[in-house]
PDB file of N, CA and C in Angstrom:
ATOM      1  N   UNK A   1     -11.664  30.604  20.421  1.00  0.00           N
ATOM      2  CA  UNK A   1     -10.890  30.222  19.717  1.00  0.00           C
ATOM      3  C   UNK A   1     -11.018  28.922  19.714  1.00  0.00           C
ATOM      4  N   UNK A   2     -11.272  28.108  20.622  1.00  0.00           N
ATOM      5  CA  UNK A   2     -11.398  26.715  20.977  1.00  0.00           C
ATOM      6  C   UNK A   2     -12.849  26.341  20.143  1.00  0.00           C
ATOM      7  N   UNK A   3     -13.799  26.820  20.544  1.00  0.00           N
ATOM      8  CA  UNK A   3     -15.156  26.329  19.501  1.00  0.00           C
ATOM      9  C   UNK A   3     -14.449  26.585  17.827  1.00  0.00           C
ATOM     10  N   UNK A   4     -13.936  27.881  17.730  1.00  0.00           N
ATOM     11  CA  UNK A   4     -13.715  27.799  16.269  1.00  0.00           C
ATOM     12  C   UNK A   4     -12.893  26.480  15.472  1.00  0.00           C
ATOM     13  N   UNK A   5     -11.786  26.336  16.658  1.00  0.00           N
ATOM     14  CA  UNK A   5     -11.019  25.190  16.273  1.00  0.00           C
ATOM     15  C   UNK A   5     -11.987  23.709  15.983  1.00  0.00           C
ATOM     16  N   UNK A   6     -12.680  23.451  17.128  1.00  0.00           N
ATOM     17  CA  UNK A   6     -13.464  22.209  16.871  1.00  0.00           C
ATOM     18  C   UNK A   6     -14.571  22.547  15.728  1.00  0.00           C
ATOM     19  N   UNK A   7     -14.872  23.526  15.447  1.00  0.00           N
ATOM     20  CA  UNK A   7     -15.844  23.838  14.303  1.00  0.00           C
ATOM     21  C   UNK A   7     -15.164  23.394  13.159  1.00  0.00           C
ATOM     22  N   UNK A   8     -13.965  23.978  12.888  1.00  0.00           N
ATOM     23  CA  UNK A   8     -13.033  23.668  11.723  1.00  0.00           C
ATOM     24  C   UNK A   8     -12.909  22.087  11.537  1.00  0.00           C
ATOM     25  N   UNK A   9     -12.445  21.197  12.476  1.00  0.00           N
ATOM     26  CA  UNK A   9     -12.267  20.004  12.853  1.00  0.00           C
ATOM     27  C   UNK A   9     -13.698  19.110  12.512  1.00  0.00           C
ATOM     28  N   UNK A  10     -14.677  19.543  12.707  1.00  0.00           N
ATOM     29  CA  UNK A  10     -15.804  18.842  12.429  1.00  0.00           C
ATOM     30  C   UNK A  10     -16.189  18.907  11.020  1.00  0.00           C
ATOM     31  N   UNK A  11     -15.920  20.399  10.478  1.00  0.00           N
ATOM     32  CA  UNK A  11     -15.953  20.467   8.854  1.00  0.00           C
ATOM     33  C   UNK A  11     -14.915  19.484   8.308  1.00  0.00           C
ATOM     34  N   UNK A  12     -13.550  19.434   8.469  1.00  0.00           N
ATOM     35  CA  UNK A  12     -12.749  18.672   7.815  1.00  0.00           C
ATOM     36  C   UNK A  12     -13.085  17.052   7.796  1.00  0.00           C
ATOM     37  N   UNK A  13     -13.638  16.808   9.128  1.00  0.00           N
ATOM     38  CA  UNK A  13     -14.293  15.487   9.257  1.00  0.00           C
ATOM     39  C   UNK A  13     -15.430  15.121   8.167  1.00  0.00           C
ATOM     40  N   UNK A  14     -16.122  16.084   8.411  1.00  0.00           N
ATOM     41  CA  UNK A  14     -17.197  15.969   7.560  1.00  0.00           C
ATOM     42  C   UNK A  14     -16.943  15.763   6.022  1.00  0.00           C
ATOM     43  N   UNK A  15     -16.278  16.613   5.468  1.00  0.00           N
ATOM     44  CA  UNK A  15     -15.430  16.741   4.144  1.00  0.00           C
ATOM     45  C   UNK A  15     -15.157  15.270   3.663  1.00  0.00           C
ATOM     46  N   UNK A  16     -13.800  14.686   4.901  1.00  0.00           N
ATOM     47  CA  UNK A  16     -13.348  13.588   4.581  1.00  0.00           C
ATOM     48  C   UNK A  16     -14.283  12.608   4.498  1.00  0.00           C
ATOM     49  N   UNK A  17     -15.450  12.156   5.180  1.00  0.00           N
ATOM     50  CA  UNK A  17     -16.516  11.320   5.036  1.00  0.00           C
ATOM     51  C   UNK A  17     -17.621  11.367   4.007  1.00  0.00           C
ATOM     52  N   UNK A  18     -17.596  12.767   3.459  1.00  0.00           N
ATOM     53  CA  UNK A  18     -18.701  13.308   2.392  1.00  0.00           C
ATOM     54  C   UNK A  18     -19.997  13.131   3.219  1.00  0.00           C
ATOM     55  N   UNK A  19     -19.971  13.757   4.395  1.00  0.00           N
ATOM     56  CA  UNK A  19     -21.263  13.850   5.008  1.00  0.00           C
ATOM     57  C   UNK A  19     -21.625  15.067   5.289  1.00  0.00           C
ATOM     58  N   UNK A  20     -22.864  15.455   5.631  1.00  0.00           N
ATOM     59  CA  UNK A  20     -23.045  17.051   5.932  1.00  0.00           C
ATOM     60  C   UNK A  20     -22.608  17.044   7.496  1.00  0.00           C
ATOM     61  N   UNK A  21     -22.089  18.161   8.005  1.00  0.00           N
ATOM     62  CA  UNK A  21     -21.479  18.520   9.301  1.00  0.00           C
ATOM     63  C   UNK A  21     -22.336  18.142  10.210  1.00  0.00           C
ATOM     64  N   UNK A  22     -23.783  18.122  10.117  1.00  0.00           N
ATOM     65  CA  UNK A  22     -24.736  17.711  11.123  1.00  0.00           C
ATOM     66  C   UNK A  22     -24.441  16.368  11.462  1.00  0.00           C
ATOM     67  N   UNK A  23     -24.197  15.361  10.835  1.00  0.00           N
ATOM     68  CA  UNK A  23     -24.022  13.977  11.133  1.00  0.00           C
ATOM     69  C   UNK A  23     -22.497  13.791  12.076  1.00  0.00           C
ATOM     70  N   UNK A  24     -21.854  14.730  12.119  1.00  0.00           N
ATOM     71  CA  UNK A  24     -20.631  14.445  13.069  1.00  0.00           C
ATOM     72  C   UNK A  24     -20.727  14.391  14.166  1.00  0.00           C
ATOM     73  N   UNK A  25     -20.554  14.052  14.965  1.00  0.00           N
ATOM     74  CA  UNK A  25     -20.798  13.736  16.647  1.00  0.00           C
ATOM     75  C   UNK A  25     -19.943  15.319  17.291  1.00  0.00           C
ATOM     76  N   UNK A  26     -20.292  15.543  18.218  1.00  0.00           N
ATOM     77  CA  UNK A  26     -19.420  16.645  18.991  1.00  0.00           C
ATOM     78  C   UNK A  26     -18.280  16.033  19.852  1.00  0.00           C
ATOM     79  N   UNK A  27     -18.284  14.715  19.875  1.00  0.00           N
ATOM     80  CA  UNK A  27     -17.261  14.214  21.006  1.00  0.00           C
ATOM     81  C   UNK A  27     -16.371  13.456  19.962  1.00  0.00           C
ATOM     82  N   UNK A  28     -16.436  13.675  18.587  1.00  0.00           N
ATOM     83  CA  UNK A  28     -15.545  12.834  17.697  1.00  0.00           C
ATOM     84  C   UNK A  28     -13.801  13.433  17.904  1.00  0.00           C
ATOM     85  N   UNK A  29     -13.680  14.605  18.242  1.00  0.00           N
ATOM     86  CA  UNK A  29     -12.278  15.390  18.553  1.00  0.00           C
ATOM     87  C   UNK A  29     -11.725  15.071  19.527  1.00  0.00           C
ATOM     88  N   UNK A  30     -10.362  14.288  19.960  1.00  0.00           N
ATOM     89  CA  UNK A  30     -10.151  13.976  21.110  1.00  0.00           C
ATOM     90  C   UNK A  30      -8.492  14.179  21.360  1.00  0.00           C
ATOM     91  N   UNK A  31      -7.953  14.818  22.278  1.00  0.00           N
ATOM     92  CA  UNK A  31      -6.713  14.793  22.431  1.00  0.00           C
ATOM     93  C   UNK A  31      -5.811  15.825  21.500  1.00  0.00           C
ATOM     94  N   UNK A  32      -6.464  16.884  20.692  1.00  0.00           N
ATOM     95  CA  UNK A  32      -6.290  18.001  20.058  1.00  0.00           C
ATOM     96  C   UNK A  32      -5.714  17.533  18.506  1.00  0.00           C
ATOM     97  N   UNK A  33      -5.958  16.071  18.413  1.00  0.00           N
ATOM     98  CA  UNK A  33      -5.591  15.396  16.867  1.00  0.00           C
ATOM     99  C   UNK A  33      -6.818  14.710  16.294  1.00  0.00           C
ATOM    100  N   UNK A  34      -7.245  14.830  14.935  1.00  0.00           N
ATOM    101  CA  UNK A  34      -8.160  14.291  14.293  1.00  0.00           C
ATOM    102  C   UNK A  34      -7.258  13.516  13.469  1.00  0.00           C
ATOM    103  N   UNK A  35      -7.420  11.982  13.819  1.00  0.00           N
ATOM    104  CA  UNK A  35      -6.555  10.940  13.085  1.00  0.00           C
ATOM    105  C   UNK A  35      -7.170  10.408  11.899  1.00  0.00           C
ATOM    106  N   UNK A  36      -8.537  10.727  11.839  1.00  0.00           N
ATOM    107  CA  UNK A  36      -9.577  10.367  10.447  1.00  0.00           C
ATOM    108  C   UNK A  36      -8.849  11.355   9.468  1.00  0.00           C
ATOM    109  N   UNK A  37      -8.639  12.791   9.434  1.00  0.00           N
ATOM    110  CA  UNK A  37      -8.379  13.744   8.855  1.00  0.00           C
ATOM    111  C   UNK A  37      -6.960  13.581   8.050  1.00  0.00           C
ATOM    112  N   UNK A  38      -6.009  13.373   9.363  1.00  0.00           N
ATOM    113  CA  UNK A  38      -4.807  12.962   9.454  1.00  0.00           C
ATOM    114  C   UNK A  38      -4.508  11.566   8.405  1.00  0.00           C
ATOM    115  N   UNK A  39      -5.337  10.873   8.676  1.00  0.00           N
ATOM    116  CA  UNK A  39      -5.129   9.662   7.381  1.00  0.00           C
ATOM    117  C   UNK A  39      -5.696  10.130   6.369  1.00  0.00           C
ATOM    118  N   UNK A  40      -6.414  10.651   5.976  1.00  0.00           N
ATOM    119  CA  UNK A  40      -6.876  11.223   4.728  1.00  0.00           C
ATOM    120  C   UNK A  40      -5.918  11.836   3.969  1.00  0.00           C
ATOM    121  N   UNK A  41      -5.012  13.086   4.772  1.00  0.00           N
ATOM    122  CA  UNK A  41      -4.268  13.723   4.015  1.00  0.00           C
ATOM    123  C   UNK A  41      -2.914  12.624   3.824  1.00  0.00           C
ATOM    124  N   UNK A  42      -2.833  11.834   4.766  1.00  0.00           N
ATOM    125  CA  UNK A  42      -1.468  10.945   4.331  1.00  0.00           C
ATOM    126  C   UNK A  42      -2.016  10.063   2.912  1.00  0.00           C
ATOM    127  N   UNK A  43      -2.868   9.665   2.935  1.00  0.00           N
ATOM    128  CA  UNK A  43      -3.475   8.855   1.605  1.00  0.00           C
ATOM    129  C   UNK A  43      -3.007   9.638   0.565  1.00  0.00           C
ATOM    130  N   UNK A  44      -3.722  10.729   0.530  1.00  0.00           N
ATOM    131  CA  UNK A  44      -3.662  12.211  -0.545  1.00  0.00           C
ATOM    132  C   UNK A  44      -2.290  12.286  -1.000  1.00  0.00           C
ATOM    133  N   UNK A  45      -1.415  12.374   0.004  1.00  0.00           N
ATOM    134  CA  UNK A  45       0.343  12.444  -0.059  1.00  0.00           C
ATOM    135  C   UNK A  45       0.680  11.295  -0.823  1.00  0.00           C
ATOM    136  N   UNK A  46       0.546   9.997  -0.228  1.00  0.00           N
ATOM    137  CA  UNK A  46       1.149   9.076  -0.849  1.00  0.00           C
ATOM    138  C   UNK A  46       0.730   9.005  -2.625  1.00  0.00           C
ATOM    139  N   UNK A  47      -0.676   9.047  -2.698  1.00  0.00           N
ATOM    140  CA  UNK A  47      -1.103   9.137  -3.892  1.00  0.00           C
ATOM    141  C   UNK A  47      -0.495  10.231  -5.042  1.00  0.00           C
ATOM    142  N   UNK A  48      -0.313  11.465  -4.682  1.00  0.00           N
ATOM    143  CA  UNK A  48       0.861  12.245  -5.260  1.00  0.00           C
ATOM    144  C   UNK A  48       1.860  12.024  -5.357  1.00  0.00           C
ATOM    145  N   UNK A  49       2.468  11.544  -4.320  1.00  0.00           N
ATOM    146  CA  UNK A  49       3.998  11.131  -4.544  1.00  0.00           C
ATOM    147  C   UNK A  49       4.317  10.104  -5.617  1.00  0.00           C
ATOM    148  N   UNK A  50       3.098   8.961  -5.688  1.00  0.00           N
ATOM    149  CA  UNK A  50       3.486   8.008  -6.665  1.00  0.00           C
ATOM    150  C   UNK A  50       3.265   8.177  -8.047  1.00  0.00           C
ATOM    151  N   UNK A  51       2.194   9.419  -8.229  1.00  0.00           N
ATOM    152  CA  UNK A  51       1.894  10.144  -9.540  1.00  0.00           C
ATOM    153  C   UNK A  51       2.968  10.739  -9.973  1.00  0.00           C
ATOM    154  N   UNK A  52       3.984  11.568  -8.902  1.00  0.00           N
ATOM    155  CA  UNK A  52       5.076  12.433  -9.182  1.00  0.00           C
ATOM    156  C   UNK A  52       6.011  11.137  -9.809  1.00  0.00           C
ATOM    157  N   UNK A  53       6.015  10.185  -8.818  1.00  0.00           N
ATOM    158  CA  UNK A  53       7.403   9.320  -9.171  1.00  0.00           C
ATOM    159  C   UNK A  53       7.555   8.473 -10.353  1.00  0.00           C
ATOM    160  N   UNK A  54       6.329   8.515 -10.949  1.00  0.00           N
ATOM    161  CA  UNK A  54       5.952   7.688 -12.070  1.00  0.00           C
ATOM    162  C   UNK A  54       6.316   8.295 -13.180  1.00  0.00           C
ATOM    163  N   UNK A  55       6.376   9.774 -13.116  1.00  0.00           N
ATOM    164  CA  UNK A  55       6.680  10.436 -14.341  1.00  0.00           C
ATOM    165  C   UNK A  55       8.253  10.740 -14.725  1.00  0.00           C
ATOM    166  N   UNK A  56       8.983   9.844 -14.165  1.00  0.00           N
ATOM    167  CA  UNK A  56      10.313  10.146 -14.792  1.00  0.00           C
ATOM    168  C   UNK A  56      10.980   8.662 -14.373  1.00  0.00           C
ATOM    169  N   UNK A  57      11.792   8.257 -15.024  1.00  0.00           N
ATOM    170  CA  UNK A  57      12.613   6.939 -15.025  1.00  0.00           C
ATOM    171  C   UNK A  57      13.250   6.604 -13.452  1.00  0.00           C
ATOM    172  N   UNK A  58      13.943   7.575 -13.014  1.00  0.00           N
ATOM    173  CA  UNK A  58      14.357   7.011 -11.508  1.00  0.00           C
ATOM    174  C   UNK A  58      13.410   6.938 -10.613  1.00  0.00           C
ATOM    175  N   UNK A  59      12.253   7.940 -10.623  1.00  0.00           N
ATOM    176  CA  UNK A  59      10.928   7.457  -9.846  1.00  0.00           C
ATOM    177  C   UNK A  59      10.364   6.152  -9.912  1.00  0.00           C
ATOM    178  N   UNK A  60      10.108   5.803 -11.415  1.00  0.00           N
ATOM    179  CA  UNK A  60       9.610   4.332 -11.962  1.00  0.00           C
ATOM    180  C   UNK A  60      10.460   3.387 -11.293  1.00  0.00           C
ATOM    181  N   UNK A  61      11.998   3.309 -11.002  1.00  0.00           N
ATOM    182  CA  UNK A  61      12.713   2.478 -10.295  1.00  0.00           C
ATOM    183  C   UNK A  61      12.126   2.502  -8.983  1.00  0.00           C
ATOM    184  N   UNK A  62      12.172   3.477  -8.269  1.00  0.00           N
ATOM    185  CA  UNK A  62      12.117   3.543  -6.918  1.00  0.00           C
ATOM    186  C   UNK A  62      10.459   2.848  -6.664  1.00  0.00           C
ATOM    187  N   UNK A  63       9.798   3.319  -7.523  1.00  0.00           N
ATOM    188  CA  UNK A  63       8.283   2.528  -6.981  1.00  0.00           C
ATOM    189  C   UNK A  63       8.335   0.930  -7.532  1.00  0.00           C
ATOM    190  N   UNK A  64       9.344   0.233  -8.391  1.00  0.00           N
ATOM    191  CA  UNK A  64       9.311  -0.898  -8.476  1.00  0.00           C
ATOM    192  C   UNK A  64      10.019  -1.501  -7.311  1.00  0.00           C
ATOM    193  N   UNK A  65      11.460  -0.778  -6.646  1.00  0.00           N
ATOM    194  CA  UNK A  65      11.913  -1.099  -5.459  1.00  0.00           C
ATOM    195  C   UNK A  65      11.085  -1.583  -4.501  1.00  0.00           C
ATOM    196  N   UNK A  66      10.156  -0.462  -4.505  1.00  0.00           N
ATOM    197  CA  UNK A  66       9.052  -0.363  -3.020  1.00  0.00           C
ATOM    198  C   UNK A  66       8.317  -1.768  -3.306  1.00  0.00           C
ATOM    199  N   UNK A  67       7.764  -1.848  -4.622  1.00  0.00           N
ATOM    200  CA  UNK A  67       6.896  -3.206  -4.646  1.00  0.00           C
ATOM    201  C   UNK A  67       7.845  -4.442  -4.496  1.00  0.00           C
ATOM    202  N   UNK A  68       8.983  -4.157  -4.904  1.00  0.00           N
ATOM    203  CA  UNK A  68       9.970  -5.555  -4.397  1.00  0.00           C
ATOM    204  C   UNK A  68      10.028  -5.899  -2.807  1.00  0.00           C
ATOM    205  N   UNK A  69      10.085  -4.538  -2.064  1.00  0.00           N
ATOM    206  CA  UNK A  69      10.270  -4.419  -0.715  1.00  0.00           C
ATOM    207  C   UNK A  69       9.052  -5.358   0.077  1.00  0.00           C
ATOM    208  N   UNK A  70       7.711  -4.682  -0.751  1.00  0.00           N
ATOM    209  CA  UNK A  70       6.726  -5.075  -0.112  1.00  0.00           C
ATOM    210  C   UNK A  70       6.035  -6.735  -0.208  1.00  0.00           C
ATOM    211  N   UNK A  71       6.859  -7.013  -1.180  1.00  0.00           N
ATOM    212  CA  UNK A  71       6.669  -8.538  -1.620  1.00  0.00           C
ATOM    213  C   UNK A  71       7.599  -9.361  -1.593  1.00  0.00           C
ATOM    214  N   UNK A  72       8.631  -8.747  -0.524  1.00  0.00           N
ATOM    215  CA  UNK A  72       9.684  -9.624  -0.082  1.00  0.00           C
ATOM    216  C   UNK A  72       9.372 -10.965   0.625  1.00  0.00           C
ATOM    217  N   UNK A  73       8.558 -10.906   1.304  1.00  0.00           N
ATOM    218  CA  UNK A  73       8.018 -11.903   2.193  1.00  0.00           C
ATOM    219  C   UNK A  73       7.567 -13.238   1.566  1.00  0.00           C
ATOM    220  N   UNK A  74       6.859 -12.932   0.411  1.00  0.00           N
ATOM    221  CA  UNK A  74       6.203 -13.670  -0.690  1.00  0.00           C
ATOM    222  C   UNK A  74       7.173 -14.387  -1.336  1.00  0.00           C
ATOM    223  N   UNK A  75       8.312 -13.409  -1.810  1.00  0.00           N
ATOM    224  CA  UNK A  75       9.285 -13.899  -2.554  1.00  0.00           C
ATOM    225  C   UNK A  75      10.397 -14.899  -2.003  1.00  0.00           C
ATOM    226  N   UNK A  76      10.205 -14.504  -0.674  1.00  0.00           N
ATOM    227  CA  UNK A  76      11.324 -15.528   0.115  1.00  0.00           C
ATOM    228  C   UNK A  76      10.355 -16.807   0.196  1.00  0.00           C
ATOM    229  N   UNK A  77       9.142 -16.731   0.372  1.00  0.00           N
ATOM    230  CA  UNK A  77       8.388 -18.276   0.771  1.00  0.00           C
ATOM    231  C   UNK A  77       8.499 -18.824  -0.484  1.00  0.00           C
ATOM    232  N   UNK A  78       8.172 -18.039  -1.885  1.00  0.00           N
ATOM    233  CA  UNK A  78       8.583 -18.648  -2.802  1.00  0.00           C
ATOM    234  C   UNK A  78       9.374 -19.347  -3.582  1.00  0.00           C
ATOM    235  N   UNK A  79      10.873 -18.980  -3.058  1.00  0.00           N
ATOM    236  CA  UNK A  79      11.919 -19.299  -3.269  1.00  0.00           C
ATOM    237  C   UNK A  79      12.386 -20.456  -2.353  1.00  0.00           C
ATOM    238  N   UNK A  80      11.721 -20.740  -1.240  1.00  0.00           N
ATOM    239  CA  UNK A  80      11.826 -21.915  -0.491  1.00  0.00           C
ATOM    240  C   UNK A  80      10.301 -22.942  -0.426  1.00  0.00           C
ATOM    241  N   UNK A  81       9.767 -22.976  -1.619  1.00  0.00           N
ATOM    242  CA  UNK A  81       8.599 -23.562  -1.690  1.00  0.00           C
ATOM    243  C   UNK A  81       8.852 -24.748  -2.514  1.00  0.00           C
ATOM    244  N   UNK A  82       7.985 -25.895  -2.777  1.00  0.00           N
ATOM    245  CA  UNK A  82       8.244 -27.119  -3.278  1.00  0.00           C
ATOM    246  C   UNK A  82       7.857 -26.702  -5.019  1.00  0.00           C
ATOM    247  N   UNK A  83       8.496 -27.670  -5.955  1.00  0.00           N
ATOM    248  CA  UNK A  83       8.346 -27.358  -7.656  1.00  0.00           C
ATOM    249  C   UNK A  83       6.508 -27.100  -7.610  1.00  0.00           C
ATOM    250  N   UNK A  84       5.820 -27.886  -7.124  1.00  0.00           N
ATOM    251  CA  UNK A  84       4.141 -27.730  -7.396  1.00  0.00           C
ATOM    252  C   UNK A  84       4.038 -26.374  -7.146  1.00  0.00           C
ATOM    253  N   UNK A  85       4.137 -25.676  -6.133  1.00  0.00           N
ATOM    254  CA  UNK A  85       3.936 -24.256  -5.810  1.00  0.00           C
ATOM    255  C   UNK A  85       4.467 -23.201  -6.670  1.00  0.00           C
ATOM    256  N   UNK A  86       5.743 -23.409  -6.910  1.00  0.00           N
ATOM    257  CA  UNK A  86       6.481 -22.506  -8.093  1.00  0.00           C
ATOM    258  C   UNK A  86       5.464 -22.526  -9.211  1.00  0.00           C
ATOM    259  N   UNK A  87       5.415 -23.586  -9.594  1.00  0.00           N
ATOM    260  CA  UNK A  87       4.314 -23.957 -11.073  1.00  0.00           C
ATOM    261  C   UNK A  87       3.414 -23.356 -11.060  1.00  0.00           C
ATOM    262  N   UNK A  88       2.233 -23.445  -9.836  1.00  0.00           N
ATOM    263  CA  UNK A  88       1.130 -22.691  -9.609  1.00  0.00           C
ATOM    264  C   UNK A  88       1.422 -21.336  -9.700  1.00  0.00           C
ATOM    265  N   UNK A  89       2.352 -20.824  -8.787  1.00  0.00           N
ATOM    266  CA  UNK A  89       2.551 -19.277  -8.883  1.00  0.00           C
ATOM    267  C   UNK A  89       2.799 -18.890 -10.055  1.00  0.00           C
ATOM    268  N   UNK A  90       3.441 -19.563 -10.958  1.00  0.00           N
ATOM    269  CA  UNK A  90       4.064 -18.961 -12.226  1.00  0.00           C
ATOM    270  C   UNK A  90       2.923 -18.856 -13.116  1.00  0.00           C
ATOM    271  N   UNK A  91       2.074 -20.162 -13.046  1.00  0.00           N
ATOM    272  CA  UNK A  91       0.758 -20.361 -13.790  1.00  0.00           C
ATOM    273  C   UNK A  91      -0.316 -19.013 -13.615  1.00  0.00           C
ATOM    274  N   UNK A  92      -0.194 -18.855 -12.186  1.00  0.00           N
ATOM    275  CA  UNK A  92      -1.355 -17.848 -11.774  1.00  0.00           C
ATOM    276  C   UNK A  92      -0.906 -16.368 -12.186  1.00  0.00           C
ATOM    277  N   UNK A  93       0.180 -16.198 -12.101  1.00  0.00           N
ATOM    278  CA  UNK A  93       0.999 -15.051 -12.617  1.00  0.00           C
ATOM    279  C   UNK A  93       0.717 -14.540 -13.874  1.00  0.00           C
ATOM    280  N   UNK A  94       0.903 -15.534 -14.871  1.00  0.00           N
ATOM    281  CA  UNK A  94       0.922 -15.547 -16.456  1.00  0.00           C
ATOM    282  C   UNK A  94      -0.823 -15.295 -16.264  1.00  0.00           C
ATOM    283  N   UNK A  95      -1.624 -16.150 -15.989  1.00  0.00           N
ATOM    284  CA  UNK A  95      -3.217 -15.661 -15.926  1.00  0.00           C
ATOM    285  C   UNK A  95      -3.594 -14.354 -15.882  1.00  0.00           C
ATOM    286  N   UNK A  96      -2.921 -13.729 -14.585  1.00  0.00           N
ATOM    287  CA  UNK A  96      -3.222 -12.069 -14.062  1.00  0.00           C
ATOM    288  C   UNK A  96      -2.211 -11.480 -14.959  1.00  0.00           C
ATOM    289  N   UNK A  97      -1.598 -11.756 -15.762  1.00  0.00           N
ATOM    290  CA  UNK A  97      -0.779 -10.880 -16.827  1.00  0.00           C
ATOM    291  C   UNK A  97       0.383 -10.149 -16.039  1.00  0.00           C
ATOM    292  N   UNK A  98       0.683 -10.641 -14.820  1.00  0.00           N
ATOM    293  CA  UNK A  98       1.683 -10.217 -14.379  1.00  0.00           C
ATOM    294  C   UNK A  98       3.208 -10.557 -14.739  1.00  0.00           C
ATOM    295  N   UNK A  99       3.988  -9.554 -14.718  1.00  0.00           N
ATOM    296  CA  UNK A  99       5.566  -9.810 -15.048  1.00  0.00           C
ATOM    297  C   UNK A  99       6.185 -10.152 -13.705  1.00  0.00           C
ATOM    298  N   UNK A 100       6.879 -11.249 -13.529  1.00  0.00           N
ATOM    299  CA  UNK A 100       7.434 -11.394 -12.186  1.00  0.00           C
ATOM    300  C   UNK A 100       8.879 -10.509 -12.375  1.00  0.00           C
ATOM    301  N   UNK A 101       9.309  -9.933 -11.064  1.00  0.00           N
ATOM    302  CA  UNK A 101      10.320  -8.995 -10.833  1.00  0.00           C
ATOM    303  C   UNK A 101      11.656 -10.097 -11.164  1.00  0.00           C
ATOM    304  N   UNK A 102      13.123  -9.478 -11.323  1.00  0.00           N
ATOM    305  CA  UNK A 102      14.081 -10.110 -11.388  1.00  0.00           C
ATOM    306  C   UNK A 102      14.125 -11.104  -9.930  1.00  0.00           C
ATOM    307  N   UNK A 103      14.026 -10.504  -8.867  1.00  0.00           N
ATOM    308  CA  UNK A 103      14.071 -11.452  -7.725  1.00  0.00           C
ATOM    309  C   UNK A 103      13.085 -12.489  -7.650  1.00  0.00           C
ATOM    310  N   UNK A 104      11.846 -12.421  -7.795  1.00  0.00           N
ATOM    311  CA  UNK A 104      10.846 -13.397  -8.384  1.00  0.00           C
ATOM    312  C   UNK A 104      11.362 -14.664  -9.141  1.00  0.00           C
ATOM    313  N   UNK A 105      11.834 -14.096 -10.729  1.00  0.00           N
ATOM    314  CA  UNK A 105      12.642 -14.967 -11.563  1.00  0.00           C
ATOM    315  C   UNK A 105      13.665 -15.942 -10.725  1.00  0.00           C
ATOM    316  N   UNK A 106      14.400 -15.156 -10.101  1.00  0.00           N
ATOM    317  CA  UNK A 106      15.779 -15.954  -9.623  1.00  0.00           C
ATOM    318  C   UNK A 106      15.195 -16.832  -8.307  1.00  0.00           C
ATOM    319  N   UNK A 107      14.043 -16.236  -7.647  1.00  0.00           N
ATOM    320  CA  UNK A 107      13.186 -17.391  -6.541  1.00  0.00           C
ATOM    321  C   UNK A 107      12.789 -18.524  -7.154  1.00  0.00           C
ATOM    322  N   UNK A 108      12.005 -18.420  -8.434  1.00  0.00           N
ATOM    323  CA  UNK A 108      11.551 -19.694  -9.189  1.00  0.00           C
ATOM    324  C   UNK A 108      12.634 -20.379  -9.492  1.00  0.00           C
ATOM    325  N   UNK A 109      13.770 -20.067 -10.059  1.00  0.00           N
ATOM    326  CA  UNK A 109      15.010 -20.546 -10.518  1.00  0.00           C
ATOM    327  C   UNK A 109      15.820 -21.479  -9.471  1.00  0.00           C
ATOM    328  N   UNK A 110      15.455 -21.377  -8.079  1.00  0.00           N
ATOM    329  CA  UNK A 110      16.020 -22.046  -7.044  1.00  0.00           C
ATOM    330  C   UNK A 110      15.690 -23.329  -7.034  1.00  0.00           C
ATOM    331  N   UNK A 111      16.320 -24.455  -7.218  1.00  0.00           N
ATOM    332  CA  UNK A 111      15.899 -25.867  -6.925  1.00  0.00           C
ATOM    333  C   UNK A 111      15.144 -26.000  -5.468  1.00  0.00           C
ATOM    334  N   UNK A 112      14.196 -26.791  -5.881  1.00  0.00           N
ATOM    335  CA  UNK A 112      13.343 -27.068  -3.940  1.00  0.00           C
ATOM    336  C   UNK A 112      14.328 -27.667  -3.345  1.00  0.00           C
ATOM    337  N   UNK A 113      14.711 -27.609  -2.106  1.00  0.00           N
ATOM    338  CA  UNK A 113      14.966 -28.405  -1.108  1.00  0.00           C
ATOM    339  C   UNK A 113      14.558 -29.704  -0.857  1.00  0.00           C
ATOM    340  N   UNK A 114      15.539 -30.762  -1.022  1.00  0.00           N
ATOM    341  CA  UNK A 114      14.940 -32.260  -0.821  1.00  0.00           C
ATOM    342  C   UNK A 114      15.585 -32.770   0.711  1.00  0.00           C
ATOM    343  N   UNK A 115      14.381 -33.537   1.122  1.00  0.00           N
ATOM    344  CA  UNK A 115      14.880 -33.790   2.551  1.00  0.00           C
ATOM    345  C   UNK A 115      15.668 -35.076   2.494  1.00  0.00           C
ATOM    346  N   UNK A 116      17.002 -35.249   3.102  1.00  0.00           N
ATOM    347  CA  UNK A 116      17.520 -36.216   2.853  1.00  0.00           C
ATOM    348  C   UNK A 116      17.829 -36.878   4.326  1.00  0.00           C
TER     349      UNK A 116
END
């Protein structure tokens, strides 16, 4: 059973890497887990989840909120930046065709802090 299990793990790794099974080393498998295969499965699951969410309005809102969360640090940085940075950011976004989120628009509207 153990030999069969290791053979299946090697086959899965070969499939993930897109190489013949002969190119997979015998010592690739450690501690009962194959993180390479686990990582590939997780990525695929994430892609399928995004595809499913994109199919309806509520799912699209979830995707927008996730993107907002992922960009939150940049948005906070933008809110606390001087006017020149805000202007540059707005021009770059316009050139790239990016539409700012409501939070980014709010961050751009915050007046820069002046040292007094």
